[in-house]
Structures are given as structure tokens and as C-alpha cells.
Amino acid sequence: MKAGVNYAVLRYPAMVMKKTVDSSMNEGPGDWMTVGRLAKVAGVGVETIRYYQGRGLLPIPKTAGSFRHYPASMVQRIGFIKRAQSLGFSLDEVGSLLDLEDGRNRRAIQTVTRRRLEQIDEKVGDLERMRDALRDMLVRCEETGQASPCPIIAALVGPPPDPQPLTNRLR
């Protein structure tokens, strides 16, 4: 084992990942921070940092006495995780991207991204079908008189609406 390196083994469903924080990293002595400070600077909760560590997304840092000290570079790593999540990547996918972080394996990065795009396309299709069903119910409601029951309520109480929107049935 290399001197000056704190090794930690993280267990995550059916796999073991070794993550390290090397004390010889480019951080100077003033560039290390406590978990509370890291959480504040990164804009997340302390629990989030601990959770990311448990998932293997963040390394477990070296300790100084009874305190863990994190390199300032962890702020950027947390930012990467949050931005990837905002694009819809799951934490498992974020982990894959972090493993490919040096960018040399573009094909693998593209595969993860394409997979995510396919999932988004499926969701968009689902949302479009839901929008069309709601529009259909709204048109039916507008076409009926005040004396008859609202077709929107009837559709929600009864069986699922016809997935074919009204506009397609009229053609």
C-alpha cells in the first residue's frame, strides 16, 4: 500500500469499490475542510455527502484526529453529481460517469448518455400520450351541456380513457 493514502472499501449491492483520498493531492494545507464546511460550500446537506460516500460517489477522506477532512476538489465533484442528476442521470449512472471522468473512454460515456436519452424519449412519449388523453377529456367536457355529467370526472371514475386521442378518431 502506498504511504500517505487512506484506503476505504465501500460496499454497495454486489460490488466492492475502493476509493481513496491521497494526502499528496494538489491541495495545500488550507484547502481541506470539514464535512460541514464542504456541505455548505457545495450547497448540499451533510447527510447527502455521507449518502454519496455510501454509494461510492465520494471517497472517504483522511482523518485528522477524530475529524474527516475533505479536499476542496470535492466541491467540484459534488457539483458534477448534482448537474448529472439535474440532467436525469440516476446515481448509478453518475457513478459510471465518474468512473469514466477522465474522458478517455468516450465510447462508454456515449453509451451511458445514449441509454439515458432513450429513457427520456420514452418518458416524453408517455407524457405526450397523457397530454393527448387530457386534451381529449377536455374537448369532451366542452362539447357536453351543463345538464350532463362532466366527462372528465366520468373518465377518472371509470375505466382508463381510450389512448387514441379524439383528433385521431375524427380523421
N, C-alpha and C. Protein backbone atom coordinates (compact mmCIF):
# COMPACT_ATOMS: atom_id res chain seq x y z
N MET A 1 0.84 -1.19 0.00
CA MET A 1 0.00 0.00 0.00
C MET A 1 0.88 1.24 0.00
N LYS A 2 0.40 2.24 -0.68
CA LYS A 2 1.13 3.49 -0.84
C LYS A 2 1.06 4.31 0.44
N ALA A 3 2.17 4.87 0.86
CA ALA A 3 2.19 5.70 2.06
C ALA A 3 1.43 6.99 1.80
N GLY A 4 0.76 7.50 2.81
CA GLY A 4 0.04 8.76 2.68
C GLY A 4 -1.31 8.64 2.04
N VAL A 5 -1.78 7.41 1.86
CA VAL A 5 -3.08 7.21 1.25
C VAL A 5 -4.00 6.53 2.25
N ASN A 6 -5.19 7.07 2.39
CA ASN A 6 -6.20 6.47 3.26
C ASN A 6 -7.09 5.61 2.38
N TYR A 7 -7.03 4.29 2.56
CA TYR A 7 -7.85 3.38 1.76
C TYR A 7 -9.14 3.10 2.49
N ALA A 8 -10.21 3.10 1.76
CA ALA A 8 -11.52 2.77 2.33
C ALA A 8 -12.22 1.86 1.35
N VAL A 9 -12.85 0.84 1.86
CA VAL A 9 -13.61 -0.06 1.00
C VAL A 9 -15.07 0.21 1.26
N LEU A 10 -15.79 0.53 0.19
CA LEU A 10 -17.22 0.82 0.29
C LEU A 10 -17.98 -0.37 -0.26
N ARG A 11 -18.95 -0.83 0.45
CA ARG A 11 -19.77 -1.94 -0.02
C ARG A 11 -21.06 -1.38 -0.58
N TYR A 12 -21.38 -1.80 -1.78
CA TYR A 12 -22.61 -1.39 -2.44
C TYR A 12 -23.11 -2.61 -3.17
N PRO A 13 -24.42 -2.81 -3.24
CA PRO A 13 -25.01 -4.05 -3.73
C PRO A 13 -24.14 -4.83 -4.72
N ALA A 14 -23.68 -5.96 -4.26
CA ALA A 14 -22.96 -6.95 -5.06
C ALA A 14 -21.65 -6.45 -5.66
N MET A 15 -21.10 -5.39 -5.12
CA MET A 15 -19.80 -4.98 -5.61
C MET A 15 -19.03 -4.26 -4.51
N VAL A 16 -17.74 -4.29 -4.60
CA VAL A 16 -16.89 -3.60 -3.65
C VAL A 16 -16.06 -2.61 -4.43
N MET A 17 -16.05 -1.37 -3.97
CA MET A 17 -15.30 -0.33 -4.66
C MET A 17 -14.27 0.24 -3.70
N LYS A 18 -13.07 0.40 -4.18
CA LYS A 18 -12.04 1.02 -3.37
C LYS A 18 -11.88 2.46 -3.81
N LYS A 19 -12.14 3.37 -2.91
CA LYS A 19 -11.99 4.79 -3.20
C LYS A 19 -10.94 5.34 -2.24
N THR A 20 -10.11 6.21 -2.74
CA THR A 20 -9.07 6.76 -1.89
C THR A 20 -8.99 8.26 -2.00
N VAL A 21 -8.48 8.84 -0.96
CA VAL A 21 -8.11 10.25 -0.99
C VAL A 21 -6.64 10.28 -0.64
N ASP A 22 -5.83 10.74 -1.54
CA ASP A 22 -4.39 10.76 -1.36
C ASP A 22 -3.98 12.08 -0.72
N SER A 23 -3.23 11.99 0.37
CA SER A 23 -2.82 13.21 1.06
C SER A 23 -1.81 14.01 0.25
N SER A 24 -1.28 13.42 -0.82
CA SER A 24 -0.33 14.15 -1.64
C SER A 24 -1.02 14.85 -2.81
N MET A 25 -2.35 14.92 -2.79
CA MET A 25 -3.08 15.60 -3.85
C MET A 25 -2.62 17.05 -3.91
N ASN A 26 -3.02 17.76 -4.91
CA ASN A 26 -2.56 19.12 -5.12
C ASN A 26 -3.11 20.12 -4.11
N GLU A 27 -3.92 19.70 -3.21
CA GLU A 27 -4.49 20.63 -2.23
C GLU A 27 -3.39 21.04 -1.25
N GLY A 28 -3.40 22.31 -0.92
CA GLY A 28 -2.48 22.79 0.10
C GLY A 28 -3.09 22.58 1.48
N PRO A 29 -2.35 22.83 2.54
CA PRO A 29 -2.86 22.58 3.89
C PRO A 29 -4.13 23.35 4.20
N GLY A 30 -4.33 24.52 3.59
CA GLY A 30 -5.52 25.31 3.86
C GLY A 30 -6.70 24.94 2.99
N ASP A 31 -6.50 23.99 2.08
CA ASP A 31 -7.55 23.62 1.13
C ASP A 31 -8.38 22.43 1.59
N TRP A 32 -8.24 22.01 2.81
CA TRP A 32 -9.01 20.89 3.35
C TRP A 32 -10.12 21.45 4.22
N MET A 33 -11.25 20.78 4.23
CA MET A 33 -12.38 21.29 5.00
C MET A 33 -13.13 20.16 5.69
N THR A 34 -13.86 20.53 6.72
CA THR A 34 -14.69 19.56 7.43
C THR A 34 -15.92 19.25 6.59
N VAL A 35 -16.65 18.21 6.98
CA VAL A 35 -17.84 17.83 6.24
C VAL A 35 -18.89 18.94 6.27
N GLY A 36 -19.00 19.64 7.39
CA GLY A 36 -19.96 20.74 7.48
C GLY A 36 -19.62 21.87 6.53
N ARG A 37 -18.36 22.21 6.47
CA ARG A 37 -17.91 23.28 5.57
C ARG A 37 -18.09 22.85 4.11
N LEU A 38 -17.73 21.61 3.80
CA LEU A 38 -17.91 21.09 2.44
C LEU A 38 -19.38 21.14 2.03
N ALA A 39 -20.25 20.71 2.94
CA ALA A 39 -21.69 20.72 2.65
C ALA A 39 -22.16 22.14 2.35
N LYS A 40 -21.72 23.08 3.16
CA LYS A 40 -22.14 24.47 2.98
C LYS A 40 -21.63 25.03 1.65
N VAL A 41 -20.36 24.83 1.36
CA VAL A 41 -19.77 25.35 0.13
C VAL A 41 -20.40 24.69 -1.10
N ALA A 42 -20.68 23.39 -1.02
CA ALA A 42 -21.24 22.66 -2.16
C ALA A 42 -22.75 22.84 -2.28
N GLY A 43 -23.38 23.37 -1.25
CA GLY A 43 -24.83 23.60 -1.30
C GLY A 43 -25.66 22.35 -1.11
N VAL A 44 -25.14 21.41 -0.33
CA VAL A 44 -25.87 20.18 -0.03
C VAL A 44 -25.85 19.96 1.48
N GLY A 45 -26.60 18.99 1.95
CA GLY A 45 -26.59 18.66 3.36
C GLY A 45 -25.47 17.68 3.70
N VAL A 46 -25.10 17.65 4.95
CA VAL A 46 -24.09 16.70 5.43
C VAL A 46 -24.56 15.27 5.13
N GLU A 47 -25.86 15.03 5.28
CA GLU A 47 -26.40 13.69 5.03
C GLU A 47 -26.20 13.30 3.57
N THR A 48 -26.29 14.26 2.68
CA THR A 48 -26.08 13.99 1.25
C THR A 48 -24.65 13.54 1.00
N ILE A 49 -23.70 14.20 1.64
CA ILE A 49 -22.30 13.82 1.49
C ILE A 49 -22.09 12.40 2.00
N ARG A 50 -22.63 12.10 3.16
CA ARG A 50 -22.50 10.75 3.71
C ARG A 50 -23.16 9.71 2.79
N TYR A 51 -24.30 10.07 2.24
CA TYR A 51 -25.01 9.17 1.33
C TYR A 51 -24.17 8.92 0.08
N TYR A 52 -23.61 9.98 -0.49
CA TYR A 52 -22.75 9.83 -1.66
C TYR A 52 -21.54 8.94 -1.35
N GLN A 53 -21.00 9.08 -0.15
CA GLN A 53 -19.89 8.21 0.24
C GLN A 53 -20.35 6.76 0.29
N GLY A 54 -21.51 6.53 0.88
CA GLY A 54 -22.05 5.17 0.97
C GLY A 54 -22.31 4.56 -0.39
N ARG A 55 -22.64 5.40 -1.36
CA ARG A 55 -22.89 4.92 -2.73
C ARG A 55 -21.60 4.80 -3.54
N GLY A 56 -20.49 5.24 -2.97
CA GLY A 56 -19.22 5.16 -3.68
C GLY A 56 -18.97 6.31 -4.64
N LEU A 57 -19.78 7.36 -4.53
CA LEU A 57 -19.62 8.52 -5.42
C LEU A 57 -18.56 9.49 -4.91
N LEU A 58 -18.36 9.50 -3.62
CA LEU A 58 -17.33 10.34 -3.00
C LEU A 58 -16.41 9.45 -2.19
N PRO A 59 -15.13 9.74 -2.20
CA PRO A 59 -14.20 8.96 -1.38
C PRO A 59 -14.35 9.31 0.09
N ILE A 60 -13.98 8.38 0.93
CA ILE A 60 -13.94 8.66 2.37
C ILE A 60 -12.59 9.31 2.63
N PRO A 61 -12.59 10.49 3.22
CA PRO A 61 -11.34 11.25 3.34
C PRO A 61 -10.46 10.80 4.49
N LYS A 62 -9.26 11.35 4.48
CA LYS A 62 -8.34 11.08 5.57
C LYS A 62 -8.86 11.73 6.84
N THR A 63 -8.42 11.25 7.96
CA THR A 63 -8.86 11.83 9.23
C THR A 63 -7.70 12.56 9.89
N ALA A 64 -8.05 13.60 10.58
CA ALA A 64 -7.08 14.34 11.39
C ALA A 64 -7.67 14.33 12.80
N GLY A 65 -7.15 13.49 13.63
CA GLY A 65 -7.76 13.31 14.95
C GLY A 65 -9.06 12.57 14.76
N SER A 66 -10.14 13.14 15.24
CA SER A 66 -11.44 12.49 15.09
C SER A 66 -12.26 13.12 13.96
N PHE A 67 -11.65 14.04 13.20
CA PHE A 67 -12.37 14.72 12.13
C PHE A 67 -11.89 14.26 10.77
N ARG A 68 -12.85 14.12 9.87
CA ARG A 68 -12.51 13.83 8.47
C ARG A 68 -12.31 15.17 7.77
N HIS A 69 -11.27 15.26 7.00
CA HIS A 69 -11.00 16.47 6.24
C HIS A 69 -11.08 16.16 4.76
N TYR A 70 -11.85 16.97 4.06
CA TYR A 70 -12.10 16.77 2.64
C TYR A 70 -11.30 17.76 1.82
N PRO A 71 -10.74 17.31 0.70
CA PRO A 71 -10.04 18.26 -0.17
C PRO A 71 -11.06 19.18 -0.85
N ALA A 72 -10.63 20.38 -1.15
CA ALA A 72 -11.52 21.36 -1.79
C ALA A 72 -12.04 20.86 -3.14
N SER A 73 -11.33 19.95 -3.76
CA SER A 73 -11.76 19.41 -5.06
C SER A 73 -13.08 18.64 -4.96
N MET A 74 -13.48 18.26 -3.76
CA MET A 74 -14.74 17.53 -3.59
C MET A 74 -15.95 18.43 -3.91
N VAL A 75 -15.78 19.75 -3.78
CA VAL A 75 -16.86 20.68 -4.14
C VAL A 75 -17.20 20.50 -5.62
N GLN A 76 -16.17 20.42 -6.45
CA GLN A 76 -16.37 20.24 -7.89
C GLN A 76 -17.00 18.87 -8.17
N ARG A 77 -16.58 17.85 -7.46
CA ARG A 77 -17.14 16.50 -7.67
C ARG A 77 -18.62 16.47 -7.30
N ILE A 78 -18.97 17.12 -6.19
CA ILE A 78 -20.39 17.19 -5.80
C ILE A 78 -21.18 17.97 -6.85
N GLY A 79 -20.59 19.04 -7.36
CA GLY A 79 -21.24 19.80 -8.44
C GLY A 79 -21.49 18.93 -9.67
N PHE A 80 -20.53 18.09 -10.01
CA PHE A 80 -20.67 17.16 -11.13
C PHE A 80 -21.86 16.23 -10.88
N ILE A 81 -21.93 15.68 -9.67
CA ILE A 81 -23.02 14.75 -9.32
C ILE A 81 -24.36 15.46 -9.44
N LYS A 82 -24.47 16.66 -8.87
CA LYS A 82 -25.74 17.39 -8.90
C LYS A 82 -26.14 17.77 -10.33
N ARG A 83 -25.19 18.21 -11.14
CA ARG A 83 -25.51 18.55 -12.53
C ARG A 83 -25.96 17.32 -13.31
N ALA A 84 -25.29 16.20 -13.11
CA ALA A 84 -25.68 14.96 -13.79
C ALA A 84 -27.09 14.55 -13.37
N GLN A 85 -27.39 14.68 -12.07
CA GLN A 85 -28.74 14.36 -11.59
C GLN A 85 -29.77 15.29 -12.23
N SER A 86 -29.42 16.56 -12.37
CA SER A 86 -30.37 17.52 -12.95
C SER A 86 -30.66 17.20 -14.42
N LEU A 87 -29.77 16.45 -15.06
CA LEU A 87 -29.99 16.00 -16.44
C LEU A 87 -30.71 14.66 -16.48
N GLY A 88 -31.07 14.15 -15.30
CA GLY A 88 -31.85 12.93 -15.24
C GLY A 88 -31.06 11.66 -15.05
N PHE A 89 -29.75 11.75 -14.86
CA PHE A 89 -28.96 10.55 -14.63
C PHE A 89 -29.23 10.02 -13.23
N SER A 90 -29.38 8.71 -13.10
CA SER A 90 -29.54 8.09 -11.79
C SER A 90 -28.17 8.11 -11.10
N LEU A 91 -28.16 7.86 -9.80
CA LEU A 91 -26.87 7.84 -9.09
C LEU A 91 -25.99 6.70 -9.58
N ASP A 92 -26.58 5.58 -9.99
CA ASP A 92 -25.78 4.50 -10.57
C ASP A 92 -25.11 4.97 -11.85
N GLU A 93 -25.86 5.69 -12.68
CA GLU A 93 -25.29 6.22 -13.93
C GLU A 93 -24.23 7.28 -13.63
N VAL A 94 -24.47 8.10 -12.61
CA VAL A 94 -23.49 9.11 -12.22
C VAL A 94 -22.19 8.41 -11.80
N GLY A 95 -22.33 7.31 -11.06
CA GLY A 95 -21.15 6.54 -10.66
C GLY A 95 -20.37 6.05 -11.87
N SER A 96 -21.09 5.57 -12.88
CA SER A 96 -20.42 5.12 -14.12
C SER A 96 -19.71 6.28 -14.79
N LEU A 97 -20.36 7.43 -14.83
CA LEU A 97 -19.74 8.61 -15.44
C LEU A 97 -18.50 9.05 -14.66
N LEU A 98 -18.58 9.00 -13.34
CA LEU A 98 -17.43 9.38 -12.52
C LEU A 98 -16.26 8.42 -12.75
N ASP A 99 -16.57 7.14 -12.94
CA ASP A 99 -15.51 6.18 -13.22
C ASP A 99 -14.84 6.48 -14.56
N LEU A 100 -15.57 7.13 -15.45
CA LEU A 100 -15.06 7.47 -16.78
C LEU A 100 -14.66 8.94 -16.87
N GLU A 101 -14.55 9.57 -15.71
CA GLU A 101 -14.39 11.02 -15.61
C GLU A 101 -13.21 11.59 -16.40
N ASP A 102 -12.16 10.83 -16.58
CA ASP A 102 -11.01 11.38 -17.29
C ASP A 102 -11.32 11.62 -18.77
N GLY A 103 -12.46 11.10 -19.25
CA GLY A 103 -12.92 11.39 -20.60
C GLY A 103 -12.22 10.60 -21.69
N ARG A 104 -11.32 9.70 -21.34
CA ARG A 104 -10.59 8.96 -22.35
C ARG A 104 -11.44 7.87 -23.01
N ASN A 105 -12.41 7.35 -22.28
CA ASN A 105 -13.25 6.30 -22.84
C ASN A 105 -14.57 6.91 -23.31
N ARG A 106 -14.50 7.66 -24.37
CA ARG A 106 -15.68 8.38 -24.87
C ARG A 106 -16.79 7.43 -25.27
N ARG A 107 -16.45 6.28 -25.81
CA ARG A 107 -17.47 5.34 -26.26
C ARG A 107 -18.34 4.91 -25.08
N ALA A 108 -17.73 4.63 -23.93
CA ALA A 108 -18.50 4.23 -22.75
C ALA A 108 -19.36 5.39 -22.25
N ILE A 109 -18.81 6.59 -22.27
CA ILE A 109 -19.56 7.78 -21.84
C ILE A 109 -20.75 7.98 -22.77
N GLN A 110 -20.52 7.82 -24.06
CA GLN A 110 -21.60 7.97 -25.04
C GLN A 110 -22.68 6.90 -24.84
N THR A 111 -22.27 5.69 -24.49
CA THR A 111 -23.23 4.61 -24.26
C THR A 111 -24.14 4.95 -23.09
N VAL A 112 -23.57 5.41 -21.99
CA VAL A 112 -24.36 5.79 -20.82
C VAL A 112 -25.31 6.93 -21.19
N THR A 113 -24.81 7.90 -21.93
CA THR A 113 -25.63 9.05 -22.32
C THR A 113 -26.74 8.65 -23.29
N ARG A 114 -26.42 7.80 -24.25
CA ARG A 114 -27.46 7.33 -25.19
C ARG A 114 -28.56 6.58 -24.45
N ARG A 115 -28.16 5.74 -23.51
CA ARG A 115 -29.15 4.99 -22.72
C ARG A 115 -30.08 5.95 -21.99
N ARG A 116 -29.51 7.00 -21.42
CA ARG A 116 -30.33 7.99 -20.71
C ARG A 116 -31.26 8.71 -21.68
N LEU A 117 -30.76 9.05 -22.86
CA LEU A 117 -31.59 9.71 -23.87
C LEU A 117 -32.77 8.83 -24.28
N GLU A 118 -32.53 7.54 -24.43
CA GLU A 118 -33.62 6.61 -24.78
C GLU A 118 -34.69 6.61 -23.69
N GLN A 119 -34.26 6.62 -22.43
CA GLN A 119 -35.21 6.66 -21.32
C GLN A 119 -36.02 7.95 -21.35
N ILE A 120 -35.35 9.05 -21.64
CA ILE A 120 -36.05 10.35 -21.71
C ILE A 120 -37.05 10.34 -22.86
N ASP A 121 -36.65 9.79 -24.01
CA ASP A 121 -37.58 9.70 -25.15
C ASP A 121 -38.82 8.89 -24.80
N GLU A 122 -38.64 7.80 -24.05
CA GLU A 122 -39.79 7.00 -23.61
C GLU A 122 -40.71 7.83 -22.72
N LYS A 123 -40.11 8.57 -21.79
CA LYS A 123 -40.92 9.40 -20.89
C LYS A 123 -41.65 10.50 -21.66
N VAL A 124 -40.96 11.09 -22.64
CA VAL A 124 -41.61 12.12 -23.45
C VAL A 124 -42.81 11.52 -24.17
N GLY A 125 -42.66 10.33 -24.72
CA GLY A 125 -43.78 9.65 -25.38
C GLY A 125 -44.94 9.42 -24.42
N ASP A 126 -44.61 8.97 -23.20
CA ASP A 126 -45.65 8.78 -22.18
C ASP A 126 -46.35 10.10 -21.86
N LEU A 127 -45.57 11.16 -21.69
CA LEU A 127 -46.15 12.47 -21.38
C LEU A 127 -47.02 12.98 -22.53
N GLU A 128 -46.60 12.75 -23.75
CA GLU A 128 -47.42 13.18 -24.90
C GLU A 128 -48.75 12.42 -24.92
N ARG A 129 -48.72 11.11 -24.62
CA ARG A 129 -49.96 10.33 -24.56
C ARG A 129 -50.87 10.83 -23.44
N MET A 130 -50.29 11.17 -22.30
CA MET A 130 -51.10 11.70 -21.20
C MET A 130 -51.70 13.05 -21.59
N ARG A 131 -50.89 13.91 -22.21
CA ARG A 131 -51.39 15.21 -22.65
C ARG A 131 -52.55 15.05 -23.63
N ASP A 132 -52.40 14.13 -24.58
CA ASP A 132 -53.46 13.91 -25.57
C ASP A 132 -54.73 13.39 -24.90
N ALA A 133 -54.58 12.50 -23.92
CA ALA A 133 -55.76 11.98 -23.21
C ALA A 133 -56.47 13.09 -22.45
N LEU A 134 -55.69 13.97 -21.80
CA LEU A 134 -56.29 15.09 -21.07
C LEU A 134 -56.97 16.07 -22.01
N ARG A 135 -56.36 16.34 -23.14
CA ARG A 135 -57.00 17.23 -24.13
C ARG A 135 -58.31 16.62 -24.62
N ASP A 136 -58.29 15.31 -24.87
CA ASP A 136 -59.48 14.61 -25.32
C ASP A 136 -60.60 14.75 -24.28
N MET A 137 -60.26 14.54 -23.01
CA MET A 137 -61.27 14.68 -21.95
C MET A 137 -61.79 16.11 -21.89
N LEU A 138 -60.92 17.08 -22.06
CA LEU A 138 -61.32 18.49 -22.02
C LEU A 138 -62.27 18.82 -23.18
N VAL A 139 -61.95 18.33 -24.37
CA VAL A 139 -62.81 18.56 -25.54
C VAL A 139 -64.18 17.94 -25.29
N ARG A 140 -64.20 16.72 -24.77
CA ARG A 140 -65.48 16.05 -24.47
C ARG A 140 -66.29 16.85 -23.45
N CYS A 141 -65.61 17.40 -22.47
CA CYS A 141 -66.29 18.17 -21.43
C CYS A 141 -66.88 19.45 -22.04
N GLU A 142 -66.11 20.10 -22.90
CA GLU A 142 -66.58 21.34 -23.52
C GLU A 142 -67.75 21.09 -24.47
N GLU A 143 -67.82 19.90 -25.07
CA GLU A 143 -68.87 19.58 -26.03
C GLU A 143 -70.18 19.17 -25.37
N THR A 144 -70.14 18.77 -24.12
CA THR A 144 -71.37 18.35 -23.44
C THR A 144 -72.01 19.55 -22.76
N GLY A 145 -73.28 19.48 -22.60
CA GLY A 145 -74.01 20.56 -21.94
C GLY A 145 -73.85 20.50 -20.43
N GLN A 146 -74.22 21.58 -19.79
CA GLN A 146 -74.14 21.67 -18.33
C GLN A 146 -75.03 20.65 -17.64
N ALA A 147 -76.08 20.20 -18.31
CA ALA A 147 -77.03 19.27 -17.70
C ALA A 147 -76.45 17.86 -17.56
N SER A 148 -75.50 17.50 -18.39
CA SER A 148 -74.95 16.14 -18.32
C SER A 148 -73.70 16.11 -17.42
N PRO A 149 -73.38 14.93 -16.90
CA PRO A 149 -72.20 14.82 -16.03
C PRO A 149 -70.92 15.18 -16.80
N CYS A 150 -69.99 15.70 -16.08
CA CYS A 150 -68.71 16.10 -16.69
C CYS A 150 -67.95 14.86 -17.15
N PRO A 151 -67.58 14.77 -18.41
CA PRO A 151 -66.85 13.61 -18.92
C PRO A 151 -65.47 13.43 -18.28
N ILE A 152 -64.90 14.50 -17.79
CA ILE A 152 -63.59 14.38 -17.13
C ILE A 152 -63.73 13.55 -15.87
N ILE A 153 -64.73 13.88 -15.05
CA ILE A 153 -64.96 13.13 -13.81
C ILE A 153 -65.33 11.69 -14.15
N ALA A 154 -66.20 11.51 -15.15
CA ALA A 154 -66.60 10.16 -15.54
C ALA A 154 -65.40 9.34 -16.01
N ALA A 155 -64.50 9.97 -16.74
CA ALA A 155 -63.31 9.26 -17.22
C ALA A 155 -62.39 8.86 -16.06
N LEU A 156 -62.31 9.71 -15.06
CA LEU A 156 -61.45 9.41 -13.92
C LEU A 156 -62.05 8.35 -13.01
N VAL A 157 -63.38 8.28 -12.96
CA VAL A 157 -64.06 7.29 -12.13
C VAL A 157 -64.11 5.93 -12.83
N GLY A 158 -64.32 5.96 -14.15
CA GLY A 158 -64.50 4.73 -14.91
C GLY A 158 -63.19 4.11 -15.35
N PRO A 159 -63.27 3.25 -16.37
CA PRO A 159 -62.07 2.59 -16.89
C PRO A 159 -61.12 3.62 -17.50
N PRO A 160 -59.87 3.25 -17.71
CA PRO A 160 -58.92 4.20 -18.30
C PRO A 160 -59.43 4.72 -19.64
N PRO A 161 -59.13 5.98 -19.96
CA PRO A 161 -59.61 6.56 -21.22
C PRO A 161 -58.97 5.87 -22.42
N ASP A 162 -59.65 6.00 -23.55
CA ASP A 162 -59.14 5.47 -24.81
C ASP A 162 -57.81 6.16 -25.11
N PRO A 163 -56.75 5.38 -25.33
CA PRO A 163 -55.45 6.00 -25.59
C PRO A 163 -55.40 6.76 -26.91
N GLN A 164 -56.35 6.47 -27.82
CA GLN A 164 -56.41 7.21 -29.08
C GLN A 164 -57.06 8.56 -28.83
N PRO A 165 -56.34 9.65 -29.03
CA PRO A 165 -56.94 10.96 -28.79
C PRO A 165 -58.08 11.22 -29.78
N LEU A 166 -58.98 12.10 -29.39
CA LEU A 166 -60.15 12.45 -30.18
C LEU A 166 -59.75 12.88 -31.59
N THR A 167 -58.69 13.63 -31.72
CA THR A 167 -58.28 14.12 -33.04
C THR A 167 -57.96 12.98 -33.99
N ASN A 168 -57.39 11.89 -33.48
CA ASN A 168 -57.08 10.74 -34.34
C ASN A 168 -58.34 9.98 -34.72
N ARG A 169 -59.33 9.94 -33.85
CA ARG A 169 -60.57 9.20 -34.13
C ARG A 169 -61.43 9.94 -35.15
N LEU A 170 -61.29 11.25 -35.25
CA LEU A 170 -62.12 12.04 -36.16
C LEU A 170 -61.61 12.00 -37.60
N ARG A 171 -60.42 11.53 -37.82
CA ARG A 171 -59.83 11.53 -39.17
C ARG A 171 -60.39 10.44 -40.03
